[in-house]
Each structure stands twice: as structure tokens, then as C-alpha cells.
Amino acid sequence: MESVLIPAAIGTLIIVLGVINLKGNIDTLHRYHRKRVREEDRLPYGRAVGTGTILVGCSLIVKACFDFASAELKMPLPESVGTIVSAVCLIAGFVIITCAMFRYNKGIF
């Protein structure tokens, strides 16, 4: 049960940070990223990064849910499906975040 609660709690925290960014508040991001984004691009940048961050958080919650279902049903299939769905969400989230950084920051670093 603990192996399910910790990823779900971390995923929830990441989703909350994503919602904050989604509203255009990019103060939770590193100072480097904040200072390189023009004022008029703060809202679209925050929306893009927030969307990616929410997907990353959802990947942890989805994985936790499928792991819980697998443990309750005593079947490995839900855990495998959860791993695949979680990986797709995680990759999509990081791709969205990376694309937003290249578009609005002109680079990752």
C-alpha cells in the first residue's frame, strides 16, 4: 500500500505545480527560465510547461492506480498496462516541456 501512496502523493504535488504554471505563474520554475521569457510570452510559456508538468504528475498517479489494481487482483496485466500508459504520459509531458523551453527560452540551458 505504501508503494502506491508515495507515487500518488508525489504525482499530486507535481500536478498542483503544473496548475500553478498553467495559470501563467512561472515563479516555480528556475530563475534562468523566468528571466529568458519575455513578459508577453509568460502566459503561453506557463500554459505549455504547466500542461507538460500535469502530464508528468498524471503518469505517476496512473502508475500508482494500476499497481494498486494489480496488487488487489493478483494479476500482472494491470501493472504492465500501467507501466505503458505511465511511460507514454511521462514522455509526452517531457516533450511538451522541452518544446516550450526551446520555443520561449531558445534552449534548455
Protein backbone atom coordinates (compact mmCIF):
# COMPACT_ATOMS: atom_id res chain seq x y z
CA MET A 1 0.00 0.00 0.00
CA GLU A 2 2.86 2.40 0.80
CA SER A 3 4.36 1.74 -2.62
CA VAL A 4 1.16 3.17 -4.10
CA LEU A 5 0.65 6.15 -1.80
CA ILE A 6 4.07 7.73 -2.21
CA PRO A 7 3.99 7.97 -6.05
CA ALA A 8 0.36 9.14 -5.90
CA ALA A 9 1.26 11.88 -3.40
CA ILE A 10 4.25 13.00 -5.44
CA GLY A 11 2.12 12.96 -8.60
CA THR A 12 -0.50 15.11 -6.89
CA LEU A 13 2.16 17.61 -5.81
CA ILE A 14 3.53 17.77 -9.37
CA ILE A 15 0.01 18.33 -10.73
CA VAL A 16 -0.51 21.22 -8.29
CA LEU A 17 2.73 22.80 -9.53
CA GLY A 18 1.55 22.27 -13.10
CA VAL A 19 -1.74 24.02 -12.40
CA ILE A 20 0.17 26.97 -10.92
CA ASN A 21 2.26 27.17 -14.09
CA LEU A 22 -0.80 26.68 -16.28
CA LYS A 23 -2.27 29.90 -14.93
CA GLY A 24 0.79 31.82 -16.18
CA ASN A 25 2.64 31.92 -12.87
CA ILE A 26 6.10 30.67 -13.77
CA ASP A 27 7.66 31.61 -10.42
CA THR A 28 8.04 27.91 -9.58
CA LEU A 29 10.50 27.49 -12.45
CA HIS A 30 14.22 28.09 -12.26
CA ARG A 31 15.30 31.74 -12.37
CA TYR A 32 17.15 31.13 -15.63
CA HIS A 33 13.92 30.19 -17.36
CA ARG A 34 11.96 33.07 -15.86
CA LYS A 35 14.42 35.74 -16.95
CA ARG A 36 14.74 34.45 -20.53
CA VAL A 37 11.00 34.50 -21.21
CA ARG A 38 9.61 37.79 -22.48
CA GLU A 39 6.77 39.31 -20.48
CA GLU A 40 4.22 38.76 -23.26
CA ASP A 41 5.24 35.09 -23.52
CA ARG A 42 4.85 34.30 -19.80
CA LEU A 43 1.25 33.07 -20.14
CA PRO A 44 1.76 30.80 -23.19
CA TYR A 45 5.03 29.52 -21.75
CA GLY A 46 3.35 28.82 -18.42
CA ARG A 47 0.49 27.02 -20.14
CA ALA A 48 2.84 24.83 -22.14
CA VAL A 49 5.09 23.98 -19.20
CA GLY A 50 2.06 23.52 -16.95
CA THR A 51 0.46 21.10 -19.39
CA GLY A 52 3.65 19.05 -19.58
CA THR A 53 4.04 19.11 -15.81
CA ILE A 54 0.47 17.94 -15.31
CA LEU A 55 1.10 15.02 -17.69
CA VAL A 56 4.20 14.05 -15.71
CA GLY A 57 2.19 14.12 -12.47
CA CYS A 58 -0.63 12.13 -14.06
CA SER A 59 1.86 9.49 -15.16
CA LEU A 60 2.77 8.84 -11.52
CA ILE A 61 -0.87 8.68 -10.42
CA VAL A 62 -1.83 6.38 -13.31
CA LYS A 63 1.05 4.06 -12.47
CA ALA A 64 0.05 4.02 -8.79
CA CYS A 65 -3.58 3.21 -9.69
CA PHE A 66 -2.62 0.35 -11.99
CA ASP A 67 -0.14 -1.01 -9.42
CA PHE A 68 -2.89 -0.94 -6.80
CA ALA A 69 -5.31 -2.73 -9.15
CA SER A 70 -2.64 -5.31 -9.95
CA ALA A 71 -1.99 -5.97 -6.26
CA GLU A 72 -5.71 -6.27 -5.48
CA LEU A 73 -6.48 -8.53 -8.46
CA LYS A 74 -3.28 -10.55 -8.09
CA MET A 75 -2.71 -10.22 -11.85
CA PRO A 76 0.39 -8.80 -13.61
CA LEU A 77 -1.56 -7.41 -16.59
CA PRO A 78 -2.80 -4.16 -14.97
CA GLU A 79 0.72 -3.39 -13.79
CA SER A 80 2.09 -3.85 -17.32
CA VAL A 81 -0.63 -1.67 -18.81
CA GLY A 82 0.02 0.94 -16.14
CA THR A 83 3.72 0.98 -16.98
CA ILE A 84 2.99 1.55 -20.67
CA VAL A 85 0.40 4.27 -20.07
CA SER A 86 2.63 5.94 -17.49
CA ALA A 87 5.63 5.91 -19.85
CA VAL A 88 3.58 7.47 -22.66
CA CYS A 89 2.33 10.26 -20.34
CA LEU A 90 5.81 10.85 -18.96
CA ILE A 91 7.43 11.07 -22.40
CA ALA A 92 4.64 13.31 -23.75
CA GLY A 93 4.99 15.62 -20.75
CA PHE A 94 8.75 15.96 -21.14
CA VAL A 95 8.42 16.54 -24.89
CA ILE A 96 5.90 19.35 -24.31
CA ILE A 97 8.11 20.95 -21.64
CA THR A 98 11.23 20.68 -23.82
CA CYS A 99 9.47 22.14 -26.87
CA ALA A 100 8.19 25.06 -24.77
CA MET A 101 11.69 25.73 -23.47
CA PHE A 102 13.15 25.75 -26.97
CA ARG A 103 10.37 27.98 -28.26
CA TYR A 104 10.32 30.58 -25.48
CA ASN A 105 13.84 30.27 -23.98
CA LYS A 106 15.73 29.45 -27.15
CA GLY A 107 17.23 26.42 -25.39
CA ILE A 108 17.12 24.20 -22.35
CA PHE A 109 20.14 25.63 -20.58
